[in-house]
């Protein structure tokens, strides 16, 4: 999952993909001292966060609110 955040950050340079602003830190903390159920919940939150951000960027692209270079 960390690769997904890194890839999105490299492609967009968007601060929303920096790990300190995402649920990823919570997931890493859960990995050290949490339960399987807690890890699964945190991982799900990470995936949903990535999807939410990407959908928002895509909607902004369609509305012409962000510059897009292909």
C-alpha atoms as a PDB file:
ATOM      1  CA  UNK A   1       0.000   0.000   0.000  1.00  0.00           C
ATOM      2  CA  UNK A   2       2.866   2.361   0.683  1.00  0.00           C
ATOM      3  CA  UNK A   3       3.863   1.951  -2.954  1.00  0.00           C
ATOM      4  CA  UNK A   4       0.414   3.181  -3.986  1.00  0.00           C
ATOM      5  CA  UNK A   5       0.770   6.377  -1.954  1.00  0.00           C
ATOM      6  CA  UNK A   6       4.312   6.884  -3.286  1.00  0.00           C
ATOM      7  CA  UNK A   7       3.190   6.329  -6.885  1.00  0.00           C
ATOM      8  CA  UNK A   8       0.267   8.737  -6.559  1.00  0.00           C
ATOM      9  CA  UNK A   9       2.516  11.364  -4.989  1.00  0.00           C
ATOM     10  CA  UNK A  10       5.145  10.976  -7.706  1.00  0.00           C
ATOM     11  CA  UNK A  11       2.540  11.270 -10.455  1.00  0.00           C
ATOM     12  CA  UNK A  12       0.639  14.236  -9.014  1.00  0.00           C
ATOM     13  CA  UNK A  13       2.956  15.942  -6.512  1.00  0.00           C
ATOM     14  CA  UNK A  14      -0.241  16.432  -4.502  1.00  0.00           C
ATOM     15  CA  UNK A  15       0.262  16.914  -0.763  1.00  0.00           C
ATOM     16  CA  UNK A  16      -2.827  14.776  -0.113  1.00  0.00           C
ATOM     17  CA  UNK A  17      -0.747  11.695  -0.963  1.00  0.00           C
ATOM     18  CA  UNK A  18       2.020  12.445   1.535  1.00  0.00           C
ATOM     19  CA  UNK A  19       1.863   9.731   4.161  1.00  0.00           C
ATOM     20  CA  UNK A  20       1.742  12.102   7.143  1.00  0.00           C
ATOM     21  CA  UNK A  21      -1.568  13.476   5.855  1.00  0.00           C
ATOM     22  CA  UNK A  22      -3.184  10.089   5.242  1.00  0.00           C
ATOM     23  CA  UNK A  23      -4.462   7.177   7.343  1.00  0.00           C
ATOM     24  CA  UNK A  24      -1.239   5.317   6.491  1.00  0.00           C
ATOM     25  CA  UNK A  25       0.504   6.368   9.725  1.00  0.00           C
ATOM     26  CA  UNK A  26      -2.418   4.977  11.721  1.00  0.00           C
ATOM     27  CA  UNK A  27      -2.073   1.712   9.831  1.00  0.00           C
ATOM     28  CA  UNK A  28       1.653   1.493  10.562  1.00  0.00           C
ATOM     29  CA  UNK A  29       0.993   2.118  14.266  1.00  0.00           C
ATOM     30  CA  UNK A  30      -1.663  -0.611  14.225  1.00  0.00           C
ATOM     31  CA  UNK A  31       0.842  -2.984  12.604  1.00  0.00           C
ATOM     32  CA  UNK A  32       3.223  -2.546  15.533  1.00  0.00           C
ATOM     33  CA  UNK A  33       0.791  -2.948  18.403  1.00  0.00           C
ATOM     34  CA  UNK A  34      -2.648  -3.767  17.102  1.00  0.00           C
ATOM     35  CA  UNK A  35      -4.922  -6.656  16.360  1.00  0.00           C
ATOM     36  CA  UNK A  36      -5.673  -8.301  13.018  1.00  0.00           C
ATOM     37  CA  UNK A  37      -9.143  -6.755  13.039  1.00  0.00           C
ATOM     38  CA  UNK A  38      -7.662  -3.301  13.701  1.00  0.00           C
ATOM     39  CA  UNK A  39      -5.104  -3.718  10.912  1.00  0.00           C
ATOM     40  CA  UNK A  40      -7.808  -4.767   8.471  1.00  0.00           C
ATOM     41  CA  UNK A  41      -9.906  -1.747   9.416  1.00  0.00           C
ATOM     42  CA  UNK A  42      -6.963   0.646   9.016  1.00  0.00           C
ATOM     43  CA  UNK A  43      -6.009  -0.875   5.665  1.00  0.00           C
ATOM     44  CA  UNK A  44      -9.585  -0.477   4.458  1.00  0.00           C
ATOM     45  CA  UNK A  45      -9.465   3.173   5.531  1.00  0.00           C
ATOM     46  CA  UNK A  46      -6.259   3.649   3.525  1.00  0.00           C
ATOM     47  CA  UNK A  47      -7.826   2.166   0.395  1.00  0.00           C
ATOM     48  CA  UNK A  48     -10.976   4.269   0.765  1.00  0.00           C
ATOM     49  CA  UNK A  49      -8.866   7.390   1.320  1.00  0.00           C
ATOM     50  CA  UNK A  50      -6.886   6.768  -1.872  1.00  0.00           C
ATOM     51  CA  UNK A  51     -10.074   6.196  -3.846  1.00  0.00           C
ATOM     52  CA  UNK A  52     -11.667   9.369  -2.455  1.00  0.00           C
ATOM     53  CA  UNK A  53      -8.676  11.532  -3.345  1.00  0.00           C
ATOM     54  CA  UNK A  54      -8.308  10.064  -6.846  1.00  0.00           C
ATOM     55  CA  UNK A  55     -12.020  10.488  -7.570  1.00  0.00           C
ATOM     56  CA  UNK A  56     -11.828  14.099  -6.398  1.00  0.00           C
ATOM     57  CA  UNK A  57      -8.858  14.845  -8.633  1.00  0.00           C
ATOM     58  CA  UNK A  58     -10.573  13.171 -11.581  1.00  0.00           C
ATOM     59  CA  UNK A  59     -13.735  15.228 -11.009  1.00  0.00           C
ATOM     60  CA  UNK A  60     -11.643  18.403 -10.841  1.00  0.00           C
ATOM     61  CA  UNK A  61      -9.966  17.433 -14.113  1.00  0.00           C
ATOM     62  CA  UNK A  62     -13.321  16.937 -15.812  1.00  0.00           C
ATOM     63  CA  UNK A  63     -14.541  20.312 -14.551  1.00  0.00           C
ATOM     64  CA  UNK A  64     -11.382  22.038 -15.741  1.00  0.00           C
ATOM     65  CA  UNK A  65     -10.427  23.069 -12.224  1.00  0.00           C
ATOM     66  CA  UNK A  66      -6.905  21.627 -12.437  1.00  0.00           C
ATOM     67  CA  UNK A  67      -4.339  21.762 -15.208  1.00  0.00           C
ATOM     68  CA  UNK A  68      -3.721  18.431 -16.859  1.00  0.00           C
ATOM     69  CA  UNK A  69      -0.690  17.571 -18.951  1.00  0.00           C
ATOM     70  CA  UNK A  70      -0.687  14.303 -20.863  1.00  0.00           C
END
